[in-house]
Amino acid sequence: MSRTLIVLGLILVAGGLLWPWLSRLGLGHLPGDIVIHRQHLHLYFPITSSLLVSAVASLIVWLIGR
């Protein structure tokens, strides 16, 4: 269990360090991501981006588990 948490932590750190380059992929600006801008309210629901990241993560975990 501790090894899994360490690996997940390292993946999160790597994602944070690589975020300037990963943001160029267009995540967060896909069709289906809901953005609401009002006078004093900014809401952001990255539905499509979340589904895409989840599918890729599931594929990677499935490939590693084989």
PDB file of N, CA and C in Angstrom:
ATOM      1  N   MET A   1       0.820  -1.192   0.000  1.00  0.00           N
ATOM      2  CA  MET A   1       0.000   0.000   0.000  1.00  0.00           C
ATOM      3  C   MET A   1       0.863   1.255   0.000  1.00  0.00           C
ATOM      4  N   SER A   2       1.927   1.266   0.785  1.00  0.00           N
ATOM      5  CA  SER A   2       2.764   2.460   0.859  1.00  0.00           C
ATOM      6  C   SER A   2       3.481   2.709  -0.469  1.00  0.00           C
ATOM      7  N   ARG A   3       3.862   1.638  -1.154  1.00  0.00           N
ATOM      8  CA  ARG A   3       4.514   1.790  -2.455  1.00  0.00           C
ATOM      9  C   ARG A   3       3.560   2.436  -3.457  1.00  0.00           C
ATOM     10  N   THR A   4       2.295   2.048  -3.408  1.00  0.00           N
ATOM     11  CA  THR A   4       1.293   2.628  -4.302  1.00  0.00           C
ATOM     12  C   THR A   4       1.119   4.120  -4.024  1.00  0.00           C
ATOM     13  N   LEU A   5       1.064   4.497  -2.765  1.00  0.00           N
ATOM     14  CA  LEU A   5       0.916   5.911  -2.419  1.00  0.00           C
ATOM     15  C   LEU A   5       2.134   6.722  -2.842  1.00  0.00           C
ATOM     16  N   ILE A   6       3.315   6.151  -2.712  1.00  0.00           N
ATOM     17  CA  ILE A   6       4.530   6.853  -3.146  1.00  0.00           C
ATOM     18  C   ILE A   6       4.508   7.062  -4.650  1.00  0.00           C
ATOM     19  N   VAL A   7       4.125   6.038  -5.402  1.00  0.00           N
ATOM     20  CA  VAL A   7       4.064   6.160  -6.860  1.00  0.00           C
ATOM     21  C   VAL A   7       3.024   7.197  -7.269  1.00  0.00           C
ATOM     22  N   LEU A   8       1.848   7.168  -6.645  1.00  0.00           N
ATOM     23  CA  LEU A   8       0.817   8.164  -6.956  1.00  0.00           C
ATOM     24  C   LEU A   8       1.294   9.577  -6.622  1.00  0.00           C
ATOM     25  N   GLY A   9       2.001   9.737  -5.526  1.00  0.00           N
ATOM     26  CA  GLY A   9       2.550  11.043  -5.159  1.00  0.00           C
ATOM     27  C   GLY A   9       3.565  11.532  -6.173  1.00  0.00           C
ATOM     28  N   LEU A  10       4.429  10.633  -6.637  1.00  0.00           N
ATOM     29  CA  LEU A  10       5.420  11.003  -7.652  1.00  0.00           C
ATOM     30  C   LEU A  10       4.759  11.380  -8.971  1.00  0.00           C
ATOM     31  N   ILE A  11       3.690  10.687  -9.314  1.00  0.00           N
ATOM     32  CA  ILE A  11       2.953  11.019 -10.544  1.00  0.00           C
ATOM     33  C   ILE A  11       2.327  12.401 -10.418  1.00  0.00           C
ATOM     34  N   LEU A  12       1.759  12.723  -9.260  1.00  0.00           N
ATOM     35  CA  LEU A  12       1.170  14.051  -9.046  1.00  0.00           C
ATOM     36  C   LEU A  12       2.227  15.149  -9.099  1.00  0.00           C
ATOM     37  N   VAL A  13       3.389  14.899  -8.506  1.00  0.00           N
ATOM     38  CA  VAL A  13       4.469  15.885  -8.551  1.00  0.00           C
ATOM     39  C   VAL A  13       4.943  16.089  -9.984  1.00  0.00           C
ATOM     40  N   ALA A  14       5.110  14.994 -10.728  1.00  0.00           N
ATOM     41  CA  ALA A  14       5.532  15.105 -12.126  1.00  0.00           C
ATOM     42  C   ALA A  14       4.499  15.865 -12.949  1.00  0.00           C
ATOM     43  N   GLY A  15       3.222  15.587 -12.714  1.00  0.00           N
ATOM     44  CA  GLY A  15       2.172  16.320 -13.425  1.00  0.00           C
ATOM     45  C   GLY A  15       2.191  17.804 -13.103  1.00  0.00           C
ATOM     46  N   GLY A  16       2.457  18.144 -11.857  1.00  0.00           N
ATOM     47  CA  GLY A  16       2.542  19.548 -11.466  1.00  0.00           C
ATOM     48  C   GLY A  16       3.730  20.251 -12.097  1.00  0.00           C
ATOM     49  N   LEU A  17       4.857  19.553 -12.163  1.00  0.00           N
ATOM     50  CA  LEU A  17       6.044  20.152 -12.776  1.00  0.00           C
ATOM     51  C   LEU A  17       5.907  20.294 -14.289  1.00  0.00           C
ATOM     52  N   LEU A  18       5.190  19.368 -14.906  1.00  0.00           N
ATOM     53  CA  LEU A  18       5.030  19.387 -16.355  1.00  0.00           C
ATOM     54  C   LEU A  18       3.793  20.154 -16.799  1.00  0.00           C
ATOM     55  N   TRP A  19       3.056  20.767 -15.871  1.00  0.00           N
ATOM     56  CA  TRP A  19       1.801  21.425 -16.209  1.00  0.00           C
ATOM     57  C   TRP A  19       1.934  22.500 -17.289  1.00  0.00           C
ATOM     58  N   PRO A  20       2.987  23.331 -17.303  1.00  0.00           N
ATOM     59  CA  PRO A  20       3.086  24.324 -18.386  1.00  0.00           C
ATOM     60  C   PRO A  20       3.077  23.688 -19.779  1.00  0.00           C
ATOM     61  N   TRP A  21       3.665  22.531 -19.914  1.00  0.00           N
ATOM     62  CA  TRP A  21       3.688  21.858 -21.215  1.00  0.00           C
ATOM     63  C   TRP A  21       2.409  21.059 -21.444  1.00  0.00           C
ATOM     64  N   LEU A  22       1.852  20.498 -20.386  1.00  0.00           N
ATOM     65  CA  LEU A  22       0.615  19.723 -20.518  1.00  0.00           C
ATOM     66  C   LEU A  22      -0.589  20.623 -20.832  1.00  0.00           C
ATOM     67  N   SER A  23      -0.552  21.867 -20.383  1.00  0.00           N
ATOM     68  CA  SER A  23      -1.670  22.765 -20.644  1.00  0.00           C
ATOM     69  C   SER A  23      -1.775  23.129 -22.118  1.00  0.00           C
ATOM     70  N   ARG A  24      -0.719  22.967 -22.860  1.00  0.00           N
ATOM     71  CA  ARG A  24      -0.753  23.240 -24.298  1.00  0.00           C
ATOM     72  C   ARG A  24      -1.534  22.184 -25.076  1.00  0.00           C
ATOM     73  N   LEU A  25      -1.846  21.065 -24.445  1.00  0.00           N
ATOM     74  CA  LEU A  25      -2.598  20.000 -25.111  1.00  0.00           C
ATOM     75  C   LEU A  25      -4.065  20.367 -25.299  1.00  0.00           C
ATOM     76  N   GLY A  26      -4.539  21.382 -24.624  1.00  0.00           N
ATOM     77  CA  GLY A  26      -5.925  21.819 -24.769  1.00  0.00           C
ATOM     78  C   GLY A  26      -6.862  21.265 -23.718  1.00  0.00           C
ATOM     79  N   LEU A  27      -6.331  20.568 -22.733  1.00  0.00           N
ATOM     80  CA  LEU A  27      -7.204  20.077 -21.667  1.00  0.00           C
ATOM     81  C   LEU A  27      -7.802  21.266 -20.929  1.00  0.00           C
ATOM     82  N   GLY A  28      -9.070  21.194 -20.667  1.00  0.00           N
ATOM     83  CA  GLY A  28      -9.765  22.282 -20.014  1.00  0.00           C
ATOM     84  C   GLY A  28     -10.484  23.199 -20.979  1.00  0.00           C
ATOM     85  N   HIS A  29     -10.235  23.019 -22.255  1.00  0.00           N
ATOM     86  CA  HIS A  29     -10.892  23.842 -23.272  1.00  0.00           C
ATOM     87  C   HIS A  29     -11.536  22.961 -24.329  1.00  0.00           C
ATOM     88  N   LEU A  30     -11.927  21.768 -23.940  1.00  0.00           N
ATOM     89  CA  LEU A  30     -12.543  20.833 -24.872  1.00  0.00           C
ATOM     90  C   LEU A  30     -14.048  21.084 -24.965  1.00  0.00           C
ATOM     91  N   PRO A  31     -14.659  20.694 -26.079  1.00  0.00           N
ATOM     92  CA  PRO A  31     -16.120  20.783 -26.145  1.00  0.00           C
ATOM     93  C   PRO A  31     -16.733  19.895 -25.056  1.00  0.00           C
ATOM     94  N   GLY A  32     -17.660  20.403 -24.322  1.00  0.00           N
ATOM     95  CA  GLY A  32     -18.261  19.652 -23.225  1.00  0.00           C
ATOM     96  C   GLY A  32     -17.794  20.140 -21.872  1.00  0.00           C
ATOM     97  N   ASP A  33     -16.718  20.916 -21.825  1.00  0.00           N
ATOM     98  CA  ASP A  33     -16.296  21.551 -20.582  1.00  0.00           C
ATOM     99  C   ASP A  33     -17.167  22.785 -20.383  1.00  0.00           C
ATOM    100  N   ILE A  34     -17.769  22.889 -19.229  1.00  0.00           N
ATOM    101  CA  ILE A  34     -18.720  23.973 -18.960  1.00  0.00           C
ATOM    102  C   ILE A  34     -18.008  25.099 -18.223  1.00  0.00           C
ATOM    103  N   VAL A  35     -18.099  26.301 -18.781  1.00  0.00           N
ATOM    104  CA  VAL A  35     -17.514  27.490 -18.172  1.00  0.00           C
ATOM    105  C   VAL A  35     -18.614  28.549 -18.077  1.00  0.00           C
ATOM    106  N   ILE A  36     -18.833  29.060 -16.871  1.00  0.00           N
ATOM    107  CA  ILE A  36     -19.842  30.088 -16.642  1.00  0.00           C
ATOM    108  C   ILE A  36     -19.141  31.319 -16.089  1.00  0.00           C
ATOM    109  N   HIS A  37     -19.224  32.425 -16.823  1.00  0.00           N
ATOM    110  CA  HIS A  37     -18.647  33.701 -16.385  1.00  0.00           C
ATOM    111  C   HIS A  37     -19.780  34.693 -16.187  1.00  0.00           C
ATOM    112  N   ARG A  38     -19.937  35.135 -14.981  1.00  0.00           N
ATOM    113  CA  ARG A  38     -20.912  36.177 -14.657  1.00  0.00           C
ATOM    114  C   ARG A  38     -20.161  37.320 -13.996  1.00  0.00           C
ATOM    115  N   GLN A  39     -20.871  38.297 -13.530  1.00  0.00           N
ATOM    116  CA  GLN A  39     -20.237  39.500 -12.992  1.00  0.00           C
ATOM    117  C   GLN A  39     -19.248  39.188 -11.857  1.00  0.00           C
ATOM    118  N   HIS A  40     -19.667  38.470 -10.860  1.00  0.00           N
ATOM    119  CA  HIS A  40     -18.788  38.138  -9.729  1.00  0.00           C
ATOM    120  C   HIS A  40     -18.698  36.634  -9.520  1.00  0.00           C
ATOM    121  N   LEU A  41     -18.918  35.878 -10.571  1.00  0.00           N
ATOM    122  CA  LEU A  41     -18.958  34.427 -10.439  1.00  0.00           C
ATOM    123  C   LEU A  41     -18.261  33.783 -11.630  1.00  0.00           C
ATOM    124  N   HIS A  42     -17.330  32.909 -11.356  1.00  0.00           N
ATOM    125  CA  HIS A  42     -16.652  32.148 -12.401  1.00  0.00           C
ATOM    126  C   HIS A  42     -16.699  30.674 -12.001  1.00  0.00           C
ATOM    127  N   LEU A  43     -17.465  29.883 -12.730  1.00  0.00           N
ATOM    128  CA  LEU A  43     -17.585  28.451 -12.471  1.00  0.00           C
ATOM    129  C   LEU A  43     -16.983  27.680 -13.639  1.00  0.00           C
ATOM    130  N   TYR A  44     -16.325  26.594 -13.306  1.00  0.00           N
ATOM    131  CA  TYR A  44     -15.661  25.795 -14.323  1.00  0.00           C
ATOM    132  C   TYR A  44     -15.900  24.323 -14.010  1.00  0.00           C
ATOM    133  N   PHE A  45     -16.505  23.598 -14.944  1.00  0.00           N
ATOM    134  CA  PHE A  45     -16.773  22.171 -14.791  1.00  0.00           C
ATOM    135  C   PHE A  45     -16.124  21.435 -15.960  1.00  0.00           C
ATOM    136  N   PRO A  46     -14.919  20.878 -15.773  1.00  0.00           N
ATOM    137  CA  PRO A  46     -14.208  20.210 -16.868  1.00  0.00           C
ATOM    138  C   PRO A  46     -14.691  18.769 -17.073  1.00  0.00           C
ATOM    139  N   ILE A  47     -15.915  18.606 -17.528  1.00  0.00           N
ATOM    140  CA  ILE A  47     -16.514  17.281 -17.645  1.00  0.00           C
ATOM    141  C   ILE A  47     -15.785  16.445 -18.690  1.00  0.00           C
ATOM    142  N   THR A  48     -15.636  16.957 -19.895  1.00  0.00           N
ATOM    143  CA  THR A  48     -14.996  16.205 -20.966  1.00  0.00           C
ATOM    144  C   THR A  48     -13.523  15.955 -20.669  1.00  0.00           C
ATOM    145  N   SER A  49     -12.836  16.949 -20.158  1.00  0.00           N
ATOM    146  CA  SER A  49     -11.418  16.776 -19.821  1.00  0.00           C
ATOM    147  C   SER A  49     -11.246  15.701 -18.749  1.00  0.00           C
ATOM    148  N   SER A  50     -12.140  15.690 -17.761  1.00  0.00           N
ATOM    149  CA  SER A  50     -12.066  14.684 -16.698  1.00  0.00           C
ATOM    150  C   SER A  50     -12.304  13.282 -17.248  1.00  0.00           C
ATOM    151  N   LEU A  51     -13.264  13.151 -18.147  1.00  0.00           N
ATOM    152  CA  LEU A  51     -13.523  11.846 -18.752  1.00  0.00           C
ATOM    153  C   LEU A  51     -12.328  11.363 -19.573  1.00  0.00           C
ATOM    154  N   LEU A  52     -11.698  12.265 -20.304  1.00  0.00           N
ATOM    155  CA  LEU A  52     -10.540  11.902 -21.116  1.00  0.00           C
ATOM    156  C   LEU A  52      -9.359  11.480 -20.240  1.00  0.00           C
ATOM    157  N   VAL A  53      -9.080  12.235 -19.197  1.00  0.00           N
ATOM    158  CA  VAL A  53      -7.986  11.890 -18.285  1.00  0.00           C
ATOM    159  C   VAL A  53      -8.271  10.568 -17.594  1.00  0.00           C
ATOM    160  N   SER A  54      -9.507  10.330 -17.192  1.00  0.00           N
ATOM    161  CA  SER A  54      -9.882   9.082 -16.542  1.00  0.00           C
ATOM    162  C   SER A  54      -9.714   7.895 -17.484  1.00  0.00           C
ATOM    163  N   ALA A  55     -10.114   8.049 -18.731  1.00  0.00           N
ATOM    164  CA  ALA A  55      -9.976   6.960 -19.706  1.00  0.00           C
ATOM    165  C   ALA A  55      -8.512   6.635 -19.963  1.00  0.00           C
ATOM    166  N   VAL A  56      -7.679   7.648 -20.093  1.00  0.00           N
ATOM    167  CA  VAL A  56      -6.249   7.419 -20.326  1.00  0.00           C
ATOM    168  C   VAL A  56      -5.609   6.762 -19.106  1.00  0.00           C
ATOM    169  N   ALA A  57      -5.954   7.233 -17.904  1.00  0.00           N
ATOM    170  CA  ALA A  57      -5.402   6.635 -16.686  1.00  0.00           C
ATOM    171  C   ALA A  57      -5.854   5.181 -16.540  1.00  0.00           C
ATOM    172  N   SER A  58      -7.107   4.893 -16.855  1.00  0.00           N
ATOM    173  CA  SER A  58      -7.603   3.515 -16.783  1.00  0.00           C
ATOM    174  C   SER A  58      -6.886   2.624 -17.783  1.00  0.00           C
ATOM    175  N   LEU A  59      -6.633   3.131 -18.973  1.00  0.00           N
ATOM    176  CA  LEU A  59      -5.910   2.361 -19.984  1.00  0.00           C
ATOM    177  C   LEU A  59      -4.483   2.053 -19.527  1.00  0.00           C
ATOM    178  N   ILE A  60      -3.824   3.044 -18.944  1.00  0.00           N
ATOM    179  CA  ILE A  60      -2.460   2.830 -18.465  1.00  0.00           C
ATOM    180  C   ILE A  60      -2.438   1.798 -17.351  1.00  0.00           C
ATOM    181  N   VAL A  61      -3.358   1.903 -16.388  1.00  0.00           N
ATOM    182  CA  VAL A  61      -3.408   0.943 -15.278  1.00  0.00           C
ATOM    183  C   VAL A  61      -3.727  -0.444 -15.814  1.00  0.00           C
ATOM    184  N   TRP A  62      -4.618  -0.538 -16.788  1.00  0.00           N
ATOM    185  CA  TRP A  62      -4.967  -1.837 -17.365  1.00  0.00           C
ATOM    186  C   TRP A  62      -3.759  -2.454 -18.083  1.00  0.00           C
ATOM    187  N   LEU A  63      -3.018  -1.641 -18.819  1.00  0.00           N
ATOM    188  CA  LEU A  63      -1.839  -2.156 -19.525  1.00  0.00           C
ATOM    189  C   LEU A  63      -0.747  -2.599 -18.551  1.00  0.00           C
ATOM    190  N   ILE A  64      -0.573  -1.881 -17.456  1.00  0.00           N
ATOM    191  CA  ILE A  64       0.437  -2.250 -16.467  1.00  0.00           C
ATOM    192  C   ILE A  64       0.020  -3.543 -15.775  1.00  0.00           C
ATOM    193  N   GLY A  65      -1.262  -3.722 -15.533  1.00  0.00           N
ATOM    194  CA  GLY A  65      -1.757  -4.910 -14.846  1.00  0.00           C
ATOM    195  C   GLY A  65      -1.735  -6.189 -15.666  1.00  0.00           C
ATOM    196  N   ARG A  66      -1.571  -6.074 -16.962  1.00  0.00           N
ATOM    197  CA  ARG A  66      -1.559  -7.270 -17.812  1.00  0.00           C
ATOM    198  C   ARG A  66      -0.308  -7.987 -17.592  1.00  0.00           C
TER     199      ARG A  66
END
